Amino acid sequence: MVQIKHCPTCGSDKIRKVRRDLTEEYQGKSYTAPNVEFHDCPVCGEKVFDPEAVRLIQSYSPAFAKSRRMKRSA
């Protein structure tokens, strides 16, 4: 993962790499991706994800459930 020194949104130098469970919502359904590593800015709330984190989040997101089922049946 690339080390980010300044938030790309607000420019703060307070942005930090964190690893934690990430709970999000999609169409009224809540889901949690466990143990996600990303950069989080406490000043503006910006979250910066690398491709590995995005894949992990997608694997738990109901938005991608249909594409996961299609891949398994192929």
C-alpha atoms as a PDB file:
ATOM      1  CA  MET A   1       0.000   0.000   0.000  1.00  0.00           C
ATOM      2  CA  VAL A   2       1.187   3.482  -0.830  1.00  0.00           C
ATOM      3  CA  GLN A   3       1.840   5.729   2.161  1.00  0.00           C
ATOM      4  CA  ILE A   4      -0.279   8.861   1.888  1.00  0.00           C
ATOM      5  CA  LYS A   5       1.096  11.904   3.718  1.00  0.00           C
ATOM      6  CA  HIS A   6      -1.696  14.407   3.008  1.00  0.00           C
ATOM      7  CA  CYS A   7      -5.425  13.946   2.534  1.00  0.00           C
ATOM      8  CA  PRO A   8      -6.311  14.296  -1.157  1.00  0.00           C
ATOM      9  CA  THR A   9      -9.574  16.049  -0.226  1.00  0.00           C
ATOM     10  CA  CYS A  10      -8.689  18.567   2.492  1.00  0.00           C
ATOM     11  CA  GLY A  11      -4.868  18.541   2.466  1.00  0.00           C
ATOM     12  CA  SER A  12      -4.590  17.623   6.160  1.00  0.00           C
ATOM     13  CA  ASP A  13      -1.447  15.876   7.348  1.00  0.00           C
ATOM     14  CA  LYS A  14      -3.549  14.020   9.963  1.00  0.00           C
ATOM     15  CA  ILE A  15      -4.503  11.204   7.537  1.00  0.00           C
ATOM     16  CA  ARG A  16      -3.389   7.807   8.849  1.00  0.00           C
ATOM     17  CA  LYS A  17      -3.289   4.212   7.723  1.00  0.00           C
ATOM     18  CA  VAL A  18      -5.766   2.159   9.760  1.00  0.00           C
ATOM     19  CA  ARG A  19      -6.946  -1.439   9.829  1.00  0.00           C
ATOM     20  CA  ARG A  20     -10.452  -2.091  11.049  1.00  0.00           C
ATOM     21  CA  ASP A  21     -13.823  -3.563  10.246  1.00  0.00           C
ATOM     22  CA  LEU A  22     -15.649  -1.322   7.784  1.00  0.00           C
ATOM     23  CA  THR A  23     -19.440  -1.178   7.994  1.00  0.00           C
ATOM     24  CA  GLU A  24     -21.277   0.336   5.066  1.00  0.00           C
ATOM     25  CA  GLU A  25     -24.823   0.359   3.709  1.00  0.00           C
ATOM     26  CA  TYR A  26     -26.180  -0.515   0.278  1.00  0.00           C
ATOM     27  CA  GLN A  27     -29.869  -0.085  -0.589  1.00  0.00           C
ATOM     28  CA  GLY A  28     -30.834  -0.118   3.063  1.00  0.00           C
ATOM     29  CA  LYS A  29     -28.788  -3.240   3.829  1.00  0.00           C
ATOM     30  CA  SER A  30     -25.858  -2.965   6.195  1.00  0.00           C
ATOM     31  CA  TYR A  31     -22.759  -5.100   5.642  1.00  0.00           C
ATOM     32  CA  THR A  32     -19.338  -5.330   7.274  1.00  0.00           C
ATOM     33  CA  ALA A  33     -16.011  -6.040   5.585  1.00  0.00           C
ATOM     34  CA  PRO A  34     -13.629  -7.254   8.295  1.00  0.00           C
ATOM     35  CA  ASN A  35     -10.044  -6.143   8.813  1.00  0.00           C
ATOM     36  CA  VAL A  36      -9.809  -3.617   5.954  1.00  0.00           C
ATOM     37  CA  GLU A  37      -6.607  -1.562   5.665  1.00  0.00           C
ATOM     38  CA  PHE A  38      -7.049   1.967   4.312  1.00  0.00           C
ATOM     39  CA  HIS A  39      -6.112   5.603   4.902  1.00  0.00           C
ATOM     40  CA  ASP A  40      -8.597   7.577   7.000  1.00  0.00           C
ATOM     41  CA  CYS A  41      -8.682  11.345   7.491  1.00  0.00           C
ATOM     42  CA  PRO A  42     -10.109  12.420  10.865  1.00  0.00           C
ATOM     43  CA  VAL A  43     -10.457  16.017   9.643  1.00  0.00           C
ATOM     44  CA  CYS A  44     -12.829  15.546   6.688  1.00  0.00           C
ATOM     45  CA  GLY A  45     -13.731  11.844   6.842  1.00  0.00           C
ATOM     46  CA  GLU A  46     -12.076  10.933   3.535  1.00  0.00           C
ATOM     47  CA  LYS A  47     -11.202   7.240   3.144  1.00  0.00           C
ATOM     48  CA  VAL A  48      -8.619   6.134   0.582  1.00  0.00           C
ATOM     49  CA  PHE A  49      -8.607   2.474  -0.459  1.00  0.00           C
ATOM     50  CA  ASP A  50      -6.018   0.548  -2.449  1.00  0.00           C
ATOM     51  CA  PRO A  51      -7.133  -2.127  -4.964  1.00  0.00           C
ATOM     52  CA  GLU A  52      -6.778  -4.943  -2.420  1.00  0.00           C
ATOM     53  CA  ALA A  53      -9.064  -3.139   0.051  1.00  0.00           C
ATOM     54  CA  VAL A  54     -11.596  -2.492  -2.720  1.00  0.00           C
ATOM     55  CA  ARG A  55     -11.656  -6.204  -3.621  1.00  0.00           C
ATOM     56  CA  LEU A  56     -12.193  -7.128   0.027  1.00  0.00           C
ATOM     57  CA  ILE A  57     -15.042  -4.628   0.409  1.00  0.00           C
ATOM     58  CA  GLN A  58     -16.655  -5.815  -2.821  1.00  0.00           C
ATOM     59  CA  SER A  59     -16.510  -9.418  -1.636  1.00  0.00           C
ATOM     60  CA  TYR A  60     -18.849  -8.485   1.253  1.00  0.00           C
ATOM     61  CA  SER A  61     -21.015  -5.894  -0.499  1.00  0.00           C
ATOM     62  CA  PRO A  62     -24.518  -6.931  -1.562  1.00  0.00           C
ATOM     63  CA  ALA A  63     -24.030  -4.676  -4.610  1.00  0.00           C
ATOM     64  CA  PHE A  64     -21.679  -7.314  -6.038  1.00  0.00           C
ATOM     65  CA  ALA A  65     -23.571 -10.430  -4.892  1.00  0.00           C
ATOM     66  CA  LYS A  66     -25.055 -11.082  -8.350  1.00  0.00           C
ATOM     67  CA  SER A  67     -21.659 -10.894 -10.094  1.00  0.00           C
ATOM     68  CA  ARG A  68     -20.187 -13.300  -7.501  1.00  0.00           C
ATOM     69  CA  ARG A  69     -23.001 -15.809  -8.180  1.00  0.00           C
ATOM     70  CA  MET A  70     -22.453 -15.506 -11.944  1.00  0.00           C
ATOM     71  CA  LYS A  71     -18.705 -16.156 -11.605  1.00  0.00           C
ATOM     72  CA  ARG A  72     -19.321 -19.283  -9.505  1.00  0.00           C
ATOM     73  CA  SER A  73     -21.756 -20.747 -12.019  1.00  0.00           C
ATOM     74  CA  ALA A  74     -19.469 -20.091 -15.008  1.00  0.00           C
END
